[in-house]
Amino acid sequence: MNKTELAEKLAGKTELTRAMALDVVDAIFSVEDSQGIIAVELDADRDVTIAGFGKFETRKRSAREGRNPATGETIQIEAKKVAAFKPAKGLRDRVAV
């Protein structure tokens, strides 16, 4: 499913037009600067928890030593912050069926 299909399904389940549903999807999931609600919260190191669905959060990865697969040379991988999603029990159980 892509963004357009998600917006169409949202429009079908609510009284929103397709254009309005697409605006809602963009408002939640956009990664443009100061746009998407989830991305803005993660930028500010705040979690987004949706009961029964899951939790979007940031995790810090430490610096580590890695290997270049092409040459076998040892390289240093810098520390960084990454986005992560942890599904709630309700979602895990639904998918596991």
N, C-alpha and C. Protein backbone atom coordinates (compact mmCIF):
# COMPACT_ATOMS: atom_id res chain seq x y z
N MET A 1 0.84 -1.18 0.00
CA MET A 1 0.00 0.00 0.00
C MET A 1 0.89 1.24 0.00
N ASN A 2 0.56 2.20 -0.82
CA ASN A 2 1.32 3.44 -0.84
C ASN A 2 0.48 4.57 -0.23
N LYS A 3 1.04 5.77 -0.22
CA LYS A 3 0.38 6.90 0.44
C LYS A 3 -0.98 7.22 -0.18
N THR A 4 -1.08 7.17 -1.49
CA THR A 4 -2.33 7.46 -2.18
C THR A 4 -3.39 6.43 -1.82
N GLU A 5 -3.02 5.17 -1.82
CA GLU A 5 -3.96 4.11 -1.46
C GLU A 5 -4.41 4.25 -0.01
N LEU A 6 -3.49 4.62 0.89
CA LEU A 6 -3.85 4.85 2.28
C LEU A 6 -4.86 5.98 2.39
N ALA A 7 -4.64 7.06 1.67
CA ALA A 7 -5.57 8.19 1.68
C ALA A 7 -6.93 7.79 1.13
N GLU A 8 -6.97 6.97 0.09
CA GLU A 8 -8.24 6.51 -0.48
C GLU A 8 -9.01 5.65 0.53
N LYS A 9 -8.31 4.77 1.23
CA LYS A 9 -8.97 3.93 2.24
C LYS A 9 -9.48 4.79 3.40
N LEU A 10 -8.69 5.80 3.79
CA LEU A 10 -9.12 6.71 4.85
C LEU A 10 -10.36 7.47 4.42
N ALA A 11 -10.39 7.94 3.20
CA ALA A 11 -11.56 8.66 2.68
C ALA A 11 -12.78 7.74 2.66
N GLY A 12 -12.57 6.48 2.32
CA GLY A 12 -13.68 5.52 2.27
C GLY A 12 -14.25 5.20 3.64
N LYS A 13 -13.45 5.30 4.69
CA LYS A 13 -13.91 4.97 6.04
C LYS A 13 -14.41 6.20 6.81
N THR A 14 -14.18 7.37 6.27
CA THR A 14 -14.61 8.60 6.93
C THR A 14 -15.42 9.44 5.94
N GLU A 15 -15.82 10.61 6.34
CA GLU A 15 -16.55 11.50 5.45
C GLU A 15 -15.61 12.51 4.79
N LEU A 16 -14.32 12.21 4.76
CA LEU A 16 -13.34 13.10 4.13
C LEU A 16 -13.29 12.85 2.62
N THR A 17 -12.96 13.88 1.88
CA THR A 17 -12.71 13.70 0.45
C THR A 17 -11.33 13.07 0.31
N ARG A 18 -10.99 12.57 -0.87
CA ARG A 18 -9.66 12.00 -1.10
C ARG A 18 -8.57 13.04 -0.87
N ALA A 19 -8.82 14.26 -1.32
CA ALA A 19 -7.82 15.33 -1.16
C ALA A 19 -7.60 15.65 0.31
N MET A 20 -8.69 15.70 1.07
CA MET A 20 -8.57 15.98 2.51
C MET A 20 -7.87 14.83 3.21
N ALA A 21 -8.18 13.60 2.83
CA ALA A 21 -7.54 12.43 3.43
C ALA A 21 -6.05 12.43 3.13
N LEU A 22 -5.67 12.82 1.91
CA LEU A 22 -4.25 12.91 1.55
C LEU A 22 -3.55 13.97 2.39
N ASP A 23 -4.23 15.08 2.65
CA ASP A 23 -3.66 16.12 3.52
C ASP A 23 -3.44 15.59 4.94
N VAL A 24 -4.37 14.78 5.43
CA VAL A 24 -4.24 14.19 6.77
C VAL A 24 -3.04 13.25 6.81
N VAL A 25 -2.93 12.39 5.82
CA VAL A 25 -1.80 11.45 5.76
C VAL A 25 -0.48 12.22 5.69
N ASP A 26 -0.42 13.26 4.87
CA ASP A 26 0.79 14.08 4.79
C ASP A 26 1.10 14.76 6.11
N ALA A 27 0.08 15.25 6.79
CA ALA A 27 0.28 15.94 8.07
C ALA A 27 0.87 15.01 9.13
N ILE A 28 0.55 13.75 9.04
CA ILE A 28 1.06 12.78 10.02
C ILE A 28 2.42 12.23 9.62
N PHE A 29 2.59 11.85 8.35
CA PHE A 29 3.76 11.08 7.94
C PHE A 29 4.83 11.82 7.14
N SER A 30 4.62 13.07 6.78
CA SER A 30 5.60 13.79 5.96
C SER A 30 6.96 13.87 6.66
N VAL A 31 8.03 13.83 5.88
CA VAL A 31 9.38 13.97 6.44
C VAL A 31 10.00 15.31 6.07
N GLU A 32 9.22 16.19 5.42
CA GLU A 32 9.71 17.53 5.09
C GLU A 32 9.89 18.32 6.39
N ASP A 33 10.81 19.29 6.38
CA ASP A 33 11.07 20.10 7.57
C ASP A 33 9.79 20.72 8.12
N SER A 34 9.59 20.56 9.41
CA SER A 34 8.46 21.14 10.15
C SER A 34 7.10 20.72 9.60
N GLN A 35 6.99 19.57 8.99
CA GLN A 35 5.73 19.15 8.38
C GLN A 35 5.08 17.99 9.13
N GLY A 36 5.60 16.80 9.02
CA GLY A 36 4.96 15.61 9.57
C GLY A 36 5.01 15.57 11.08
N ILE A 37 3.89 15.28 11.70
CA ILE A 37 3.79 15.25 13.15
C ILE A 37 4.77 14.25 13.76
N ILE A 38 4.84 13.06 13.21
CA ILE A 38 5.73 12.04 13.78
C ILE A 38 7.19 12.46 13.64
N ALA A 39 7.59 12.94 12.47
CA ALA A 39 8.98 13.35 12.25
C ALA A 39 9.38 14.52 13.15
N VAL A 40 8.49 15.47 13.33
CA VAL A 40 8.77 16.63 14.20
C VAL A 40 9.00 16.17 15.64
N GLU A 41 8.16 15.28 16.11
CA GLU A 41 8.30 14.77 17.48
C GLU A 41 9.60 13.99 17.65
N LEU A 42 9.94 13.15 16.67
CA LEU A 42 11.18 12.38 16.76
C LEU A 42 12.40 13.30 16.70
N ASP A 43 12.34 14.36 15.88
CA ASP A 43 13.44 15.35 15.84
C ASP A 43 13.68 15.95 17.21
N ALA A 44 12.61 16.14 17.97
CA ALA A 44 12.71 16.76 19.29
C ALA A 44 12.98 15.72 20.39
N ASP A 45 13.33 14.49 19.99
CA ASP A 45 13.60 13.39 20.92
C ASP A 45 12.40 13.04 21.80
N ARG A 46 11.21 13.20 21.23
CA ARG A 46 9.99 12.80 21.94
C ARG A 46 9.41 11.57 21.24
N ASP A 47 8.84 10.67 22.01
CA ASP A 47 8.22 9.46 21.47
C ASP A 47 6.79 9.76 21.03
N VAL A 48 6.30 8.97 20.09
CA VAL A 48 4.90 9.04 19.65
C VAL A 48 4.31 7.66 19.90
N THR A 49 3.38 7.59 20.87
CA THR A 49 2.77 6.32 21.23
C THR A 49 1.31 6.31 20.83
N ILE A 50 0.92 5.30 20.07
CA ILE A 50 -0.47 5.14 19.66
C ILE A 50 -0.96 3.84 20.30
N ALA A 51 -1.82 3.98 21.30
CA ALA A 51 -2.29 2.84 22.09
C ALA A 51 -2.83 1.74 21.17
N GLY A 52 -2.39 0.52 21.41
CA GLY A 52 -2.85 -0.63 20.64
C GLY A 52 -2.14 -0.81 19.31
N PHE A 53 -1.40 0.21 18.87
CA PHE A 53 -0.71 0.13 17.58
C PHE A 53 0.81 0.04 17.76
N GLY A 54 1.39 1.01 18.47
CA GLY A 54 2.82 0.94 18.69
C GLY A 54 3.43 2.27 19.07
N LYS A 55 4.75 2.29 19.10
CA LYS A 55 5.49 3.45 19.57
C LYS A 55 6.62 3.78 18.59
N PHE A 56 6.62 5.03 18.12
CA PHE A 56 7.72 5.55 17.32
C PHE A 56 8.67 6.22 18.29
N GLU A 57 9.97 5.93 18.17
CA GLU A 57 10.95 6.49 19.09
C GLU A 57 12.29 6.66 18.39
N THR A 58 13.19 7.38 19.05
CA THR A 58 14.55 7.49 18.53
C THR A 58 15.45 6.65 19.43
N ARG A 59 16.44 6.06 18.81
CA ARG A 59 17.44 5.28 19.55
C ARG A 59 18.81 5.78 19.15
N LYS A 60 19.72 5.75 20.11
CA LYS A 60 21.09 6.18 19.84
C LYS A 60 21.96 4.96 19.60
N ARG A 61 22.67 4.96 18.50
CA ARG A 61 23.62 3.89 18.20
C ARG A 61 25.02 4.39 18.51
N SER A 62 25.78 3.62 19.25
CA SER A 62 27.14 4.02 19.60
C SER A 62 28.07 3.86 18.40
N ALA A 63 29.19 4.56 18.50
CA ALA A 63 30.23 4.38 17.48
C ALA A 63 30.76 2.95 17.59
N ARG A 64 31.14 2.41 16.46
CA ARG A 64 31.65 1.03 16.48
C ARG A 64 32.59 0.81 15.32
N GLU A 65 33.26 -0.30 15.39
CA GLU A 65 34.17 -0.68 14.32
C GLU A 65 33.43 -1.60 13.36
N GLY A 66 33.59 -1.36 12.07
CA GLY A 66 32.96 -2.20 11.07
C GLY A 66 33.96 -2.62 10.02
N ARG A 67 33.46 -3.27 9.00
CA ARG A 67 34.34 -3.75 7.94
C ARG A 67 33.75 -3.40 6.59
N ASN A 68 34.57 -2.88 5.70
CA ASN A 68 34.14 -2.61 4.34
C ASN A 68 34.01 -3.96 3.63
N PRO A 69 32.82 -4.34 3.18
CA PRO A 69 32.64 -5.66 2.59
C PRO A 69 33.40 -5.85 1.27
N ALA A 70 33.67 -4.77 0.57
CA ALA A 70 34.37 -4.89 -0.71
C ALA A 70 35.86 -5.14 -0.53
N THR A 71 36.45 -4.47 0.47
CA THR A 71 37.91 -4.57 0.64
C THR A 71 38.32 -5.34 1.87
N GLY A 72 37.39 -5.51 2.82
CA GLY A 72 37.75 -6.17 4.07
C GLY A 72 38.44 -5.23 5.05
N GLU A 73 38.62 -3.96 4.65
CA GLU A 73 39.29 -2.97 5.48
C GLU A 73 38.43 -2.61 6.69
N THR A 74 39.07 -2.45 7.86
CA THR A 74 38.37 -2.03 9.07
C THR A 74 38.08 -0.53 8.98
N ILE A 75 36.84 -0.16 9.32
CA ILE A 75 36.47 1.25 9.30
C ILE A 75 35.76 1.62 10.60
N GLN A 76 35.73 2.90 10.93
CA GLN A 76 35.02 3.39 12.10
C GLN A 76 33.65 3.88 11.65
N ILE A 77 32.62 3.39 12.30
CA ILE A 77 31.26 3.82 12.04
C ILE A 77 30.88 4.78 13.15
N GLU A 78 30.46 6.00 12.77
CA GLU A 78 30.14 7.03 13.75
C GLU A 78 28.86 6.73 14.51
N ALA A 79 28.74 7.31 15.70
CA ALA A 79 27.51 7.22 16.49
C ALA A 79 26.43 8.00 15.76
N LYS A 80 25.19 7.55 15.89
CA LYS A 80 24.10 8.28 15.26
C LYS A 80 22.79 7.98 15.95
N LYS A 81 21.81 8.81 15.65
CA LYS A 81 20.46 8.65 16.17
C LYS A 81 19.60 8.10 15.04
N VAL A 82 18.78 7.09 15.33
CA VAL A 82 17.94 6.47 14.31
C VAL A 82 16.48 6.40 14.78
N ALA A 83 15.57 6.43 13.84
CA ALA A 83 14.15 6.26 14.14
C ALA A 83 13.84 4.78 14.26
N ALA A 84 12.96 4.44 15.19
CA ALA A 84 12.59 3.05 15.40
C ALA A 84 11.10 2.96 15.70
N PHE A 85 10.52 1.80 15.42
CA PHE A 85 9.12 1.54 15.71
C PHE A 85 9.01 0.25 16.49
N LYS A 86 8.28 0.29 17.59
CA LYS A 86 8.05 -0.91 18.38
C LYS A 86 6.54 -1.17 18.38
N PRO A 87 6.09 -2.26 17.75
CA PRO A 87 4.65 -2.53 17.69
C PRO A 87 4.09 -2.88 19.07
N ALA A 88 2.85 -2.47 19.31
CA ALA A 88 2.16 -2.81 20.56
C ALA A 88 1.70 -4.26 20.50
N LYS A 89 1.36 -4.81 21.65
CA LYS A 89 0.94 -6.20 21.73
C LYS A 89 -0.26 -6.47 20.82
N GLY A 90 -1.21 -5.54 20.76
CA GLY A 90 -2.39 -5.73 19.91
C GLY A 90 -2.02 -5.91 18.45
N LEU A 91 -1.09 -5.10 17.95
CA LEU A 91 -0.65 -5.21 16.57
C LEU A 91 0.15 -6.49 16.35
N ARG A 92 1.03 -6.80 17.29
CA ARG A 92 1.82 -8.04 17.17
C ARG A 92 0.90 -9.25 17.10
N ASP A 93 -0.09 -9.29 17.98
CA ASP A 93 -1.02 -10.43 18.00
C ASP A 93 -1.83 -10.52 16.72
N ARG A 94 -2.27 -9.39 16.20
CA ARG A 94 -3.07 -9.38 14.97
C ARG A 94 -2.28 -9.89 13.78
N VAL A 95 -1.02 -9.49 13.68
CA VAL A 95 -0.18 -9.89 12.55
C VAL A 95 0.24 -11.35 12.68
N ALA A 96 0.39 -11.82 13.89
CA ALA A 96 0.89 -13.18 14.14
C ALA A 96 -0.13 -14.26 13.80
N VAL A 97 -1.37 -13.91 13.55
CA VAL A 97 -2.42 -14.91 13.29
C VAL A 97 -2.18 -15.61 11.98
